[in-house]
Amino acid sequence: GCSKKDFGHGSVVCVCTDDYCDSLPQVKLPKSKDVLIITSNKDGLRWNITHQNFSQPGNEKLNSQENVTKIHINESVKFQSIFGFGGAFTDAAGLNIISLTPPMQDKLIRSYYSSEGLEYNLGRVPIGGTDFSTRPYTYDDLTNNKTDKSLNNFSLANEDYQYKIPIVQAALKMSSTEVKLLASPWSAPAWMKDNQNLKGKGKLIKEYYYTWALYIS
């Protein structure tokens, strides 16, 4: 069902329009000792699903084959847990999404967070402005060497109401699973830093450690 477009790099992309956008079949976890392989490649495969089995050690037929990849798994060794996969709800993402028609906005977000798409279950939400904003800002910007230890001036920005919150709410609404949000700041307000600037190599002034923690919480 891919509506193909070639950008001249040896492969094609599938194009979404107001009228049509590809959806993905829901993937069910394989049974024990089975492996599920999903392939998209330059030859034209798009979300091609195949199933194979892990063979037990000592399988003579397997050992006699050439070009076989052998994977040895020690189930007693465990590392970190993976909470899931996701994307970032930045100003730039929101700015581009709301520039689309309403049907395209819905299809784009659905392709990431719904059961018809990738089923993302994580989202990073910046606290204030980032490299992906059209201007530098925090939630407590002051001028004329003023400070605000009690954060009486703290408030969200227009970008939150225009570009972040609506997209987050749309993703949460269409997701079939719980979506975890990770809030992350780019910079403390300039008056908390020794260079008095949102940019550059400024460090947090020690007397504002508590204020900065309060700001994030």
N, C-alpha and C. Protein backbone atom coordinates (compact mmCIF):
# COMPACT_ATOMS: atom_id res chain seq x y z
N GLY A 1 0.79 -1.22 0.00
CA GLY A 1 0.00 0.00 0.00
C GLY A 1 0.82 1.26 0.00
N CYS A 2 2.12 1.15 -0.11
CA CYS A 2 3.01 2.31 -0.03
C CYS A 2 2.82 3.24 -1.22
N SER A 3 2.57 4.53 -0.93
CA SER A 3 2.55 5.55 -1.98
C SER A 3 3.97 6.05 -2.13
N LYS A 4 4.70 5.53 -3.12
CA LYS A 4 6.15 5.70 -3.19
C LYS A 4 6.58 7.06 -3.74
N LYS A 5 7.70 7.56 -3.17
CA LYS A 5 8.35 8.74 -3.72
C LYS A 5 9.84 8.53 -3.61
N ASP A 6 10.55 8.81 -4.71
CA ASP A 6 12.00 8.59 -4.78
C ASP A 6 12.72 9.94 -4.67
N PHE A 7 13.59 10.06 -3.66
CA PHE A 7 14.36 11.29 -3.49
C PHE A 7 15.78 11.15 -4.05
N GLY A 8 16.03 10.08 -4.80
CA GLY A 8 17.30 9.93 -5.48
C GLY A 8 18.43 9.39 -4.63
N HIS A 9 18.13 8.69 -3.57
CA HIS A 9 19.18 8.14 -2.71
C HIS A 9 19.17 6.60 -2.73
N GLY A 10 18.65 6.02 -3.76
CA GLY A 10 18.68 4.57 -3.90
C GLY A 10 17.55 3.85 -3.20
N SER A 11 16.58 4.58 -2.65
CA SER A 11 15.43 3.94 -2.02
C SER A 11 14.24 4.89 -2.09
N VAL A 12 13.09 4.41 -1.69
CA VAL A 12 11.88 5.23 -1.73
C VAL A 12 11.33 5.41 -0.32
N VAL A 13 10.50 6.43 -0.14
CA VAL A 13 9.77 6.61 1.11
C VAL A 13 8.28 6.49 0.80
N CYS A 14 7.51 6.13 1.82
CA CYS A 14 6.06 6.04 1.68
C CYS A 14 5.46 7.38 2.10
N VAL A 15 4.67 7.98 1.23
CA VAL A 15 4.15 9.32 1.46
C VAL A 15 2.74 9.26 2.04
N CYS A 16 2.52 10.08 3.07
CA CYS A 16 1.19 10.24 3.65
C CYS A 16 0.51 11.47 3.05
N THR A 17 -0.78 11.38 2.81
CA THR A 17 -1.57 12.52 2.35
C THR A 17 -2.82 12.62 3.21
N ASP A 18 -3.63 13.65 2.95
CA ASP A 18 -4.89 13.78 3.68
C ASP A 18 -5.79 12.56 3.46
N ASP A 19 -5.66 11.94 2.28
CA ASP A 19 -6.58 10.86 1.92
C ASP A 19 -6.08 9.48 2.28
N TYR A 20 -4.75 9.31 2.38
CA TYR A 20 -4.24 7.96 2.62
C TYR A 20 -2.91 8.00 3.37
N CYS A 21 -2.75 7.05 4.29
CA CYS A 21 -1.47 6.88 4.97
C CYS A 21 -1.35 5.42 5.37
N ASP A 22 -0.18 4.84 5.20
CA ASP A 22 0.00 3.44 5.56
C ASP A 22 -0.18 3.23 7.06
N SER A 23 -0.73 2.10 7.41
CA SER A 23 -0.80 1.70 8.82
C SER A 23 0.00 0.41 8.97
N LEU A 24 0.39 0.10 10.18
CA LEU A 24 1.21 -1.08 10.43
C LEU A 24 0.41 -2.15 11.13
N PRO A 25 0.60 -3.42 10.75
CA PRO A 25 -0.10 -4.50 11.47
C PRO A 25 0.44 -4.59 12.88
N GLN A 26 -0.46 -4.87 13.83
CA GLN A 26 -0.04 -4.97 15.22
C GLN A 26 0.85 -6.19 15.40
N VAL A 27 1.96 -6.00 16.09
CA VAL A 27 2.94 -7.06 16.27
C VAL A 27 2.68 -7.78 17.60
N LYS A 28 2.56 -9.09 17.53
CA LYS A 28 2.39 -9.89 18.74
C LYS A 28 3.74 -10.51 19.10
N LEU A 29 4.05 -10.48 20.38
CA LEU A 29 5.33 -11.04 20.82
C LEU A 29 5.40 -12.53 20.48
N PRO A 30 6.54 -13.00 20.01
CA PRO A 30 6.67 -14.42 19.66
C PRO A 30 6.69 -15.30 20.89
N LYS A 31 6.44 -16.57 20.67
CA LYS A 31 6.50 -17.54 21.76
C LYS A 31 7.96 -17.77 22.16
N SER A 32 8.15 -18.41 23.29
CA SER A 32 9.50 -18.72 23.76
C SER A 32 10.25 -19.53 22.70
N LYS A 33 11.50 -19.17 22.49
CA LYS A 33 12.41 -19.81 21.54
C LYS A 33 12.07 -19.51 20.09
N ASP A 34 11.12 -18.61 19.86
CA ASP A 34 10.83 -18.14 18.51
C ASP A 34 11.41 -16.74 18.35
N VAL A 35 11.68 -16.34 17.13
CA VAL A 35 12.18 -15.00 16.85
C VAL A 35 11.35 -14.39 15.72
N LEU A 36 11.03 -13.12 15.88
CA LEU A 36 10.24 -12.40 14.89
C LEU A 36 11.14 -11.35 14.25
N ILE A 37 11.20 -11.34 12.94
CA ILE A 37 12.09 -10.43 12.21
C ILE A 37 11.24 -9.49 11.36
N ILE A 38 11.44 -8.18 11.58
CA ILE A 38 10.72 -7.17 10.79
C ILE A 38 11.74 -6.43 9.92
N THR A 39 11.50 -6.41 8.62
CA THR A 39 12.48 -5.87 7.69
C THR A 39 11.89 -4.78 6.80
N SER A 40 12.60 -3.64 6.72
CA SER A 40 12.36 -2.63 5.70
C SER A 40 13.71 -2.37 5.03
N ASN A 41 13.76 -2.35 3.72
CA ASN A 41 15.05 -2.19 3.06
C ASN A 41 14.93 -1.45 1.74
N LYS A 42 16.08 -1.21 1.13
CA LYS A 42 16.12 -0.45 -0.13
C LYS A 42 15.52 -1.23 -1.29
N ASP A 43 15.39 -2.54 -1.14
CA ASP A 43 14.79 -3.35 -2.22
C ASP A 43 13.28 -3.21 -2.26
N GLY A 44 12.71 -2.52 -1.28
CA GLY A 44 11.27 -2.28 -1.33
C GLY A 44 10.45 -2.95 -0.25
N LEU A 45 11.09 -3.78 0.60
CA LEU A 45 10.33 -4.39 1.69
C LEU A 45 9.93 -3.30 2.68
N ARG A 46 8.66 -3.34 3.10
CA ARG A 46 8.15 -2.39 4.08
C ARG A 46 7.44 -3.16 5.18
N TRP A 47 8.07 -3.18 6.37
CA TRP A 47 7.46 -3.86 7.52
C TRP A 47 7.14 -5.32 7.18
N ASN A 48 8.09 -5.97 6.53
CA ASN A 48 7.94 -7.38 6.16
C ASN A 48 8.22 -8.26 7.39
N ILE A 49 7.26 -9.09 7.77
CA ILE A 49 7.36 -9.89 8.99
C ILE A 49 7.62 -11.35 8.66
N THR A 50 8.68 -11.91 9.24
CA THR A 50 8.97 -13.33 9.10
C THR A 50 9.22 -13.92 10.49
N HIS A 51 8.98 -15.23 10.60
CA HIS A 51 9.18 -15.93 11.87
C HIS A 51 10.24 -17.00 11.70
N GLN A 52 11.08 -17.14 12.70
CA GLN A 52 12.06 -18.23 12.72
C GLN A 52 12.16 -18.78 14.13
N ASN A 53 12.86 -19.91 14.24
CA ASN A 53 13.03 -20.55 15.54
C ASN A 53 14.48 -20.51 15.96
N PHE A 54 14.72 -20.31 17.26
CA PHE A 54 16.05 -20.53 17.80
C PHE A 54 16.24 -22.04 17.91
N SER A 55 17.37 -22.54 17.43
CA SER A 55 17.67 -23.97 17.53
C SER A 55 18.56 -24.22 18.73
N GLN A 56 18.40 -25.36 19.34
CA GLN A 56 19.20 -25.72 20.50
C GLN A 56 20.62 -26.07 20.08
N PRO A 57 21.62 -25.84 20.96
CA PRO A 57 23.00 -26.24 20.64
C PRO A 57 23.06 -27.74 20.33
N GLY A 58 23.92 -28.06 19.38
CA GLY A 58 24.07 -29.47 19.03
C GLY A 58 23.22 -29.88 17.85
N ASN A 59 22.49 -28.93 17.26
CA ASN A 59 21.66 -29.24 16.11
C ASN A 59 22.58 -29.47 14.91
N GLU A 60 22.70 -30.72 14.49
CA GLU A 60 23.65 -31.08 13.42
C GLU A 60 23.29 -30.41 12.10
N LYS A 61 21.99 -30.32 11.82
CA LYS A 61 21.56 -29.72 10.56
C LYS A 61 21.97 -28.25 10.52
N LEU A 62 21.80 -27.54 11.66
CA LEU A 62 22.16 -26.14 11.73
C LEU A 62 23.67 -25.96 11.60
N ASN A 63 24.43 -26.79 12.31
CA ASN A 63 25.89 -26.66 12.31
C ASN A 63 26.50 -26.94 10.94
N SER A 64 25.78 -27.67 10.09
CA SER A 64 26.33 -28.01 8.78
C SER A 64 26.05 -26.93 7.73
N GLN A 65 25.20 -25.96 8.07
CA GLN A 65 24.85 -24.93 7.11
C GLN A 65 25.91 -23.82 7.10
N GLU A 66 26.09 -23.23 5.92
CA GLU A 66 27.00 -22.11 5.80
C GLU A 66 26.25 -20.79 6.01
N ASN A 67 27.00 -19.75 6.35
CA ASN A 67 26.42 -18.40 6.53
C ASN A 67 25.31 -18.37 7.57
N VAL A 68 25.50 -19.13 8.62
CA VAL A 68 24.53 -19.15 9.72
C VAL A 68 25.05 -18.29 10.87
N THR A 69 24.20 -17.43 11.38
CA THR A 69 24.56 -16.62 12.54
C THR A 69 24.20 -17.37 13.80
N LYS A 70 25.18 -17.60 14.66
CA LYS A 70 24.94 -18.28 15.92
C LYS A 70 24.90 -17.27 17.05
N ILE A 71 23.83 -17.29 17.83
CA ILE A 71 23.67 -16.38 18.96
C ILE A 71 23.64 -17.20 20.24
N HIS A 72 24.57 -16.90 21.13
CA HIS A 72 24.63 -17.60 22.41
C HIS A 72 24.06 -16.68 23.49
N ILE A 73 23.02 -17.12 24.16
CA ILE A 73 22.34 -16.31 25.17
C ILE A 73 22.50 -16.93 26.55
N ASN A 74 23.05 -16.16 27.47
CA ASN A 74 23.15 -16.59 28.87
C ASN A 74 22.01 -15.91 29.63
N GLU A 75 20.95 -16.66 29.90
CA GLU A 75 19.75 -16.07 30.50
C GLU A 75 19.96 -15.64 31.95
N SER A 76 21.06 -16.08 32.56
CA SER A 76 21.30 -15.72 33.97
C SER A 76 21.94 -14.33 34.11
N VAL A 77 22.44 -13.76 32.99
CA VAL A 77 23.07 -12.44 33.03
C VAL A 77 22.07 -11.39 32.57
N LYS A 78 21.77 -10.43 33.45
CA LYS A 78 20.80 -9.40 33.11
C LYS A 78 21.41 -8.02 33.30
N PHE A 79 20.99 -7.08 32.44
CA PHE A 79 21.49 -5.72 32.52
C PHE A 79 20.33 -4.77 32.81
N GLN A 80 20.36 -3.57 32.27
CA GLN A 80 19.32 -2.60 32.59
C GLN A 80 18.00 -2.96 31.92
N SER A 81 16.91 -2.46 32.51
CA SER A 81 15.59 -2.65 31.93
C SER A 81 15.32 -1.54 30.91
N ILE A 82 14.52 -1.86 29.92
CA ILE A 82 14.12 -0.89 28.91
C ILE A 82 12.66 -0.53 29.16
N PHE A 83 12.40 0.75 29.43
CA PHE A 83 11.03 1.19 29.69
C PHE A 83 10.21 1.25 28.40
N GLY A 84 10.88 1.51 27.28
CA GLY A 84 10.16 1.60 26.02
C GLY A 84 10.88 2.48 25.03
N PHE A 85 10.14 2.97 24.04
CA PHE A 85 10.70 3.80 22.98
C PHE A 85 9.77 4.98 22.73
N GLY A 86 10.33 6.08 22.26
CA GLY A 86 9.49 7.25 22.04
C GLY A 86 10.19 8.36 21.29
N GLY A 87 9.59 9.54 21.34
CA GLY A 87 10.13 10.71 20.66
C GLY A 87 10.05 11.92 21.56
N ALA A 88 10.38 13.08 21.03
CA ALA A 88 10.43 14.31 21.83
C ALA A 88 9.35 15.29 21.37
N PHE A 89 8.63 15.85 22.34
CA PHE A 89 7.60 16.86 22.06
C PHE A 89 8.23 18.25 22.16
N THR A 90 9.08 18.57 21.19
CA THR A 90 9.79 19.85 21.20
C THR A 90 8.94 20.93 20.51
N ASP A 91 9.39 22.18 20.66
CA ASP A 91 8.72 23.27 19.95
C ASP A 91 8.78 23.06 18.44
N ALA A 92 9.94 22.61 17.96
CA ALA A 92 10.10 22.40 16.51
C ALA A 92 9.15 21.34 15.99
N ALA A 93 9.00 20.25 16.75
CA ALA A 93 8.08 19.19 16.33
C ALA A 93 6.66 19.73 16.28
N GLY A 94 6.24 20.43 17.35
CA GLY A 94 4.90 20.97 17.39
C GLY A 94 4.65 22.00 16.31
N LEU A 95 5.64 22.86 16.07
CA LEU A 95 5.52 23.91 15.04
C LEU A 95 5.28 23.28 13.67
N ASN A 96 6.00 22.21 13.37
CA ASN A 96 5.83 21.54 12.07
C ASN A 96 4.53 20.75 12.00
N ILE A 97 4.14 20.12 13.11
CA ILE A 97 2.92 19.32 13.11
C ILE A 97 1.70 20.20 12.90
N ILE A 98 1.62 21.36 13.61
CA ILE A 98 0.43 22.20 13.48
C ILE A 98 0.39 22.94 12.14
N SER A 99 1.50 22.90 11.39
CA SER A 99 1.49 23.51 10.07
C SER A 99 0.79 22.61 9.04
N LEU A 100 0.54 21.35 9.43
CA LEU A 100 -0.14 20.41 8.55
C LEU A 100 -1.66 20.59 8.64
N THR A 101 -2.37 20.02 7.69
CA THR A 101 -3.84 20.02 7.78
C THR A 101 -4.27 19.13 8.94
N PRO A 102 -5.44 19.36 9.53
CA PRO A 102 -5.89 18.52 10.65
C PRO A 102 -5.86 17.02 10.37
N PRO A 103 -6.30 16.54 9.19
CA PRO A 103 -6.20 15.10 8.92
C PRO A 103 -4.76 14.59 8.93
N MET A 104 -3.82 15.42 8.40
CA MET A 104 -2.43 15.01 8.38
C MET A 104 -1.82 15.03 9.77
N GLN A 105 -2.21 15.99 10.60
CA GLN A 105 -1.75 16.02 11.98
C GLN A 105 -2.13 14.73 12.69
N ASP A 106 -3.39 14.33 12.52
CA ASP A 106 -3.89 13.12 13.15
C ASP A 106 -3.13 11.89 12.67
N LYS A 107 -2.92 11.80 11.36
CA LYS A 107 -2.22 10.64 10.79
C LYS A 107 -0.77 10.57 11.26
N LEU A 108 -0.10 11.73 11.35
CA LEU A 108 1.29 11.75 11.77
C LEU A 108 1.44 11.27 13.21
N ILE A 109 0.65 11.83 14.12
CA ILE A 109 0.74 11.43 15.52
C ILE A 109 0.31 9.98 15.69
N ARG A 110 -0.71 9.58 14.93
CA ARG A 110 -1.19 8.19 15.00
C ARG A 110 -0.11 7.21 14.53
N SER A 111 0.70 7.61 13.57
CA SER A 111 1.74 6.72 13.04
C SER A 111 2.82 6.43 14.08
N TYR A 112 2.94 7.28 15.10
CA TYR A 112 3.92 7.06 16.15
C TYR A 112 3.31 6.44 17.40
N TYR A 113 2.16 6.94 17.85
CA TYR A 113 1.67 6.58 19.18
C TYR A 113 0.45 5.66 19.22
N SER A 114 -0.17 5.36 18.10
CA SER A 114 -1.36 4.50 18.13
C SER A 114 -0.99 3.05 17.83
N SER A 115 -1.96 2.17 18.02
CA SER A 115 -1.74 0.75 17.72
C SER A 115 -1.66 0.50 16.22
N GLU A 116 -2.01 1.50 15.40
CA GLU A 116 -1.87 1.40 13.94
C GLU A 116 -0.47 1.78 13.50
N GLY A 117 0.34 2.30 14.44
CA GLY A 117 1.68 2.75 14.11
C GLY A 117 2.74 2.06 14.94
N LEU A 118 3.73 2.83 15.40
CA LEU A 118 4.86 2.26 16.12
C LEU A 118 4.58 1.99 17.59
N GLU A 119 3.45 2.49 18.09
CA GLU A 119 3.07 2.30 19.50
C GLU A 119 4.15 2.80 20.47
N TYR A 120 4.68 3.99 20.20
CA TYR A 120 5.60 4.61 21.15
C TYR A 120 4.92 4.69 22.54
N ASN A 121 5.70 4.50 23.59
CA ASN A 121 5.14 4.61 24.94
C ASN A 121 5.96 5.56 25.82
N LEU A 122 6.85 6.33 25.20
CA LEU A 122 7.63 7.34 25.92
C LEU A 122 7.57 8.66 25.17
N GLY A 123 7.73 9.76 25.91
CA GLY A 123 7.80 11.07 25.28
C GLY A 123 8.63 12.00 26.14
N ARG A 124 9.61 12.67 25.54
CA ARG A 124 10.40 13.65 26.28
C ARG A 124 9.78 15.03 26.08
N VAL A 125 9.50 15.70 27.19
CA VAL A 125 8.91 17.03 27.15
C VAL A 125 9.91 18.03 27.71
N PRO A 126 10.46 18.91 26.90
CA PRO A 126 11.44 19.88 27.40
C PRO A 126 10.82 20.84 28.42
N ILE A 127 11.57 21.16 29.47
CA ILE A 127 11.18 22.18 30.43
C ILE A 127 11.73 23.51 29.91
N GLY A 128 10.87 24.30 29.27
CA GLY A 128 11.32 25.56 28.68
C GLY A 128 11.85 25.38 27.26
N GLY A 129 12.63 26.35 26.81
CA GLY A 129 13.15 26.33 25.46
C GLY A 129 14.35 25.40 25.30
N THR A 130 14.63 25.01 24.06
CA THR A 130 15.72 24.10 23.74
C THR A 130 16.40 24.56 22.45
N ASP A 131 17.35 23.75 21.99
CA ASP A 131 17.95 23.98 20.67
C ASP A 131 16.90 23.89 19.56
N PHE A 132 15.74 23.30 19.88
CA PHE A 132 14.68 23.09 18.89
C PHE A 132 13.55 24.11 19.08
N SER A 133 13.90 25.30 19.57
CA SER A 133 12.95 26.39 19.74
C SER A 133 13.37 27.57 18.87
N THR A 134 12.42 28.44 18.58
CA THR A 134 12.73 29.60 17.73
C THR A 134 13.33 30.75 18.55
N ARG A 135 13.34 30.61 19.89
CA ARG A 135 13.91 31.63 20.75
C ARG A 135 14.39 30.98 22.05
N PRO A 136 15.36 31.58 22.72
CA PRO A 136 15.78 31.04 24.02
C PRO A 136 14.83 31.53 25.12
N TYR A 137 14.38 30.63 25.99
CA TYR A 137 13.51 31.05 27.09
C TYR A 137 13.48 29.97 28.18
N THR A 138 13.18 30.41 29.40
CA THR A 138 12.90 29.49 30.51
C THR A 138 11.56 29.91 31.10
N TYR A 139 11.19 29.31 32.23
CA TYR A 139 9.91 29.63 32.85
C TYR A 139 10.02 30.70 33.93
N ASP A 140 11.19 31.33 34.03
CA ASP A 140 11.35 32.40 35.03
C ASP A 140 12.43 33.37 34.57
N ASP A 141 12.23 33.93 33.40
CA ASP A 141 13.22 34.87 32.86
C ASP A 141 13.04 36.26 33.46
N LEU A 142 14.14 36.87 33.88
CA LEU A 142 14.12 38.20 34.49
C LEU A 142 15.17 39.09 33.82
N THR A 143 15.03 40.38 34.01
CA THR A 143 16.00 41.34 33.46
C THR A 143 16.52 42.24 34.59
N ASN A 144 17.50 43.06 34.25
CA ASN A 144 18.05 44.06 35.19
C ASN A 144 18.59 43.43 36.47
N ASN A 145 19.27 42.29 36.33
CA ASN A 145 19.93 41.62 37.46
C ASN A 145 18.97 41.22 38.58
N LYS A 146 17.71 41.04 38.27
CA LYS A 146 16.75 40.61 39.28
C LYS A 146 16.88 39.10 39.53
N THR A 147 16.48 38.65 40.72
CA THR A 147 16.45 37.23 41.05
C THR A 147 15.07 36.87 41.61
N ASP A 148 14.81 35.57 41.69
CA ASP A 148 13.47 35.13 42.13
C ASP A 148 13.58 33.78 42.83
N LYS A 149 14.18 33.77 44.02
CA LYS A 149 14.41 32.52 44.74
C LYS A 149 13.11 31.77 45.04
N SER A 150 12.03 32.48 45.23
CA SER A 150 10.74 31.85 45.56
C SER A 150 9.96 31.45 44.32
N LEU A 151 10.49 31.77 43.14
CA LEU A 151 9.87 31.43 41.86
C LEU A 151 8.46 32.00 41.73
N ASN A 152 8.26 33.21 42.23
CA ASN A 152 6.96 33.86 42.12
C ASN A 152 6.63 34.23 40.68
N ASN A 153 7.67 34.32 39.85
CA ASN A 153 7.48 34.70 38.45
C ASN A 153 7.36 33.49 37.52
N PHE A 154 7.40 32.28 38.11
CA PHE A 154 7.38 31.04 37.31
C PHE A 154 6.06 30.91 36.54
N SER A 155 6.15 30.64 35.24
CA SER A 155 4.94 30.40 34.44
C SER A 155 5.33 29.71 33.13
N LEU A 156 4.40 28.94 32.59
CA LEU A 156 4.63 28.30 31.30
C LEU A 156 4.68 29.36 30.20
N ALA A 157 5.19 28.97 29.04
CA ALA A 157 5.33 29.89 27.92
C ALA A 157 4.25 29.63 26.87
N ASN A 158 4.10 30.56 25.95
CA ASN A 158 3.12 30.38 24.87
C ASN A 158 3.40 29.12 24.07
N GLU A 159 4.69 28.79 23.93
CA GLU A 159 5.06 27.59 23.16
C GLU A 159 4.47 26.32 23.77
N ASP A 160 4.36 26.29 25.10
CA ASP A 160 3.78 25.11 25.76
C ASP A 160 2.32 24.92 25.35
N TYR A 161 1.58 26.03 25.33
CA TYR A 161 0.16 25.96 25.01
C TYR A 161 -0.09 25.77 23.51
N GLN A 162 0.86 26.20 22.68
CA GLN A 162 0.68 26.11 21.24
C GLN A 162 1.27 24.84 20.64
N TYR A 163 2.49 24.48 21.08
CA TYR A 163 3.24 23.44 20.39
C TYR A 163 3.42 22.14 21.18
N LYS A 164 3.44 22.20 22.50
CA LYS A 164 3.75 21.00 23.29
C LYS A 164 2.49 20.31 23.82
N ILE A 165 1.75 21.02 24.67
CA ILE A 165 0.61 20.40 25.35
C ILE A 165 -0.43 19.80 24.39
N PRO A 166 -0.84 20.51 23.32
CA PRO A 166 -1.83 19.92 22.41
C PRO A 166 -1.35 18.62 21.76
N ILE A 167 -0.06 18.56 21.40
CA ILE A 167 0.46 17.36 20.75
C ILE A 167 0.58 16.22 21.75
N VAL A 168 1.02 16.53 22.97
CA VAL A 168 1.09 15.51 24.02
C VAL A 168 -0.30 14.95 24.28
N GLN A 169 -1.29 15.81 24.41
CA GLN A 169 -2.65 15.35 24.69
C GLN A 169 -3.20 14.50 23.55
N ALA A 170 -2.89 14.87 22.32
CA ALA A 170 -3.34 14.08 21.16
C ALA A 170 -2.70 12.69 21.18
N ALA A 171 -1.42 12.62 21.52
CA ALA A 171 -0.73 11.33 21.57
C ALA A 171 -1.30 10.46 22.69
N LEU A 172 -1.53 11.05 23.86
CA LEU A 172 -2.09 10.29 24.97
C LEU A 172 -3.48 9.76 24.64
N LYS A 173 -4.26 10.56 23.95
CA LYS A 173 -5.63 10.18 23.63
C LYS A 173 -5.70 8.99 22.70
N MET A 174 -4.79 8.91 21.73
CA MET A 174 -4.87 7.84 20.74
C MET A 174 -4.01 6.62 21.09
N SER A 175 -3.24 6.70 22.18
CA SER A 175 -2.40 5.57 22.56
C SER A 175 -3.23 4.50 23.26
N SER A 176 -2.94 3.25 22.95
CA SER A 176 -3.65 2.13 23.58
C SER A 176 -2.93 1.67 24.84
N THR A 177 -1.75 2.23 25.12
CA THR A 177 -0.99 1.86 26.30
C THR A 177 -0.63 3.12 27.09
N GLU A 178 -0.13 2.93 28.31
CA GLU A 178 0.30 4.07 29.11
C GLU A 178 1.53 4.71 28.49
N VAL A 179 1.52 6.04 28.38
CA VAL A 179 2.66 6.78 27.85
C VAL A 179 3.36 7.49 29.01
N LYS A 180 4.63 7.20 29.19
CA LYS A 180 5.41 7.86 30.23
C LYS A 180 6.07 9.11 29.66
N LEU A 181 6.04 10.19 30.41
CA LEU A 181 6.63 11.45 29.96
C LEU A 181 7.87 11.77 30.79
N LEU A 182 8.94 12.12 30.11
CA LEU A 182 10.20 12.49 30.75
C LEU A 182 10.43 13.98 30.54
N ALA A 183 10.43 14.75 31.62
CA ALA A 183 10.66 16.19 31.53
C ALA A 183 12.15 16.48 31.67
N SER A 184 12.70 17.28 30.76
CA SER A 184 14.14 17.55 30.81
C SER A 184 14.42 19.01 30.47
N PRO A 185 15.19 19.72 31.33
CA PRO A 185 15.52 21.12 31.05
C PRO A 185 16.78 21.24 30.20
N TRP A 186 16.87 22.34 29.45
CA TRP A 186 18.09 22.64 28.69
C TRP A 186 18.99 23.59 29.48
N SER A 187 18.38 24.57 30.12
CA SER A 187 19.17 25.55 30.86
C SER A 187 18.36 26.09 32.03
N ALA A 188 19.05 26.40 33.10
CA ALA A 188 18.43 27.15 34.19
C ALA A 188 18.24 28.60 33.74
N PRO A 189 17.35 29.35 34.39
CA PRO A 189 17.25 30.78 34.08
C PRO A 189 18.61 31.46 34.22
N ALA A 190 18.87 32.45 33.41
CA ALA A 190 20.18 33.10 33.37
C ALA A 190 20.61 33.63 34.73
N TRP A 191 19.68 34.13 35.55
CA TRP A 191 20.05 34.71 36.85
C TRP A 191 20.52 33.65 37.84
N MET A 192 20.33 32.37 37.55
CA MET A 192 20.82 31.30 38.41
C MET A 192 22.25 30.88 38.03
N LYS A 193 22.79 31.40 36.92
CA LYS A 193 24.06 30.92 36.38
C LYS A 193 25.17 31.96 36.51
N ASP A 194 26.39 31.47 36.59
CA ASP A 194 27.51 32.41 36.81
C ASP A 194 27.86 33.24 35.58
N ASN A 195 27.38 32.83 34.39
CA ASN A 195 27.64 33.65 33.20
C ASN A 195 26.44 34.53 32.84
N GLN A 196 25.37 34.44 33.65
CA GLN A 196 24.17 35.26 33.45
C GLN A 196 23.61 35.15 32.02
N ASN A 197 23.69 33.93 31.48
CA ASN A 197 23.28 33.73 30.09
C ASN A 197 22.71 32.32 29.93
N LEU A 198 21.68 32.18 29.09
CA LEU A 198 21.12 30.85 28.82
C LEU A 198 22.06 30.02 27.95
N LYS A 199 22.96 30.67 27.23
CA LYS A 199 23.89 29.98 26.34
C LYS A 199 25.29 29.99 26.93
N GLY A 200 26.19 29.28 26.29
CA GLY A 200 27.59 29.29 26.73
C GLY A 200 27.87 28.30 27.84
N LYS A 201 29.03 28.45 28.47
CA LYS A 201 29.50 27.47 29.45
C LYS A 201 29.23 27.91 30.89
N GLY A 202 28.08 28.47 31.12
CA GLY A 202 27.74 28.90 32.47
C GLY A 202 27.41 27.73 33.38
N LYS A 203 27.68 27.89 34.67
CA LYS A 203 27.38 26.87 35.67
C LYS A 203 26.36 27.41 36.66
N LEU A 204 25.64 26.50 37.29
CA LEU A 204 24.65 26.88 38.28
C LEU A 204 25.35 27.42 39.52
N ILE A 205 24.92 28.58 39.99
CA ILE A 205 25.48 29.17 41.21
C ILE A 205 24.99 28.36 42.41
N LYS A 206 25.87 28.08 43.33
CA LYS A 206 25.57 27.15 44.43
C LYS A 206 24.36 27.58 45.26
N GLU A 207 24.21 28.87 45.48
CA GLU A 207 23.10 29.33 46.33
C GLU A 207 21.73 29.07 45.68
N TYR A 208 21.74 28.71 44.39
CA TYR A 208 20.47 28.45 43.69
C TYR A 208 20.22 26.96 43.48
N TYR A 209 21.00 26.09 44.10
CA TYR A 209 20.79 24.64 43.94
C TYR A 209 19.35 24.27 44.33
N TYR A 210 18.92 24.75 45.50
CA TYR A 210 17.57 24.40 45.97
C TYR A 210 16.51 25.00 45.04
N THR A 211 16.73 26.25 44.62
CA THR A 211 15.78 26.92 43.74
C THR A 211 15.64 26.17 42.42
N TRP A 212 16.77 25.70 41.91
CA TRP A 212 16.76 24.95 40.64
C TRP A 212 15.99 23.64 40.80
N ALA A 213 16.18 22.96 41.92
CA ALA A 213 15.44 21.72 42.18
C ALA A 213 13.94 22.01 42.27
N LEU A 214 13.59 23.11 42.94
CA LEU A 214 12.20 23.52 43.06
C LEU A 214 11.62 23.86 41.69
N TYR A 215 12.43 24.54 40.87
CA TYR A 215 12.02 24.91 39.51
C TYR A 215 11.64 23.67 38.71
N ILE A 216 12.47 22.63 38.77
CA ILE A 216 12.21 21.41 37.99
C ILE A 216 10.98 20.68 38.53
N SER A 217 10.86 20.60 39.85
CA SER A 217 9.73 19.87 40.42
C SER A 217 8.40 20.61 40.21
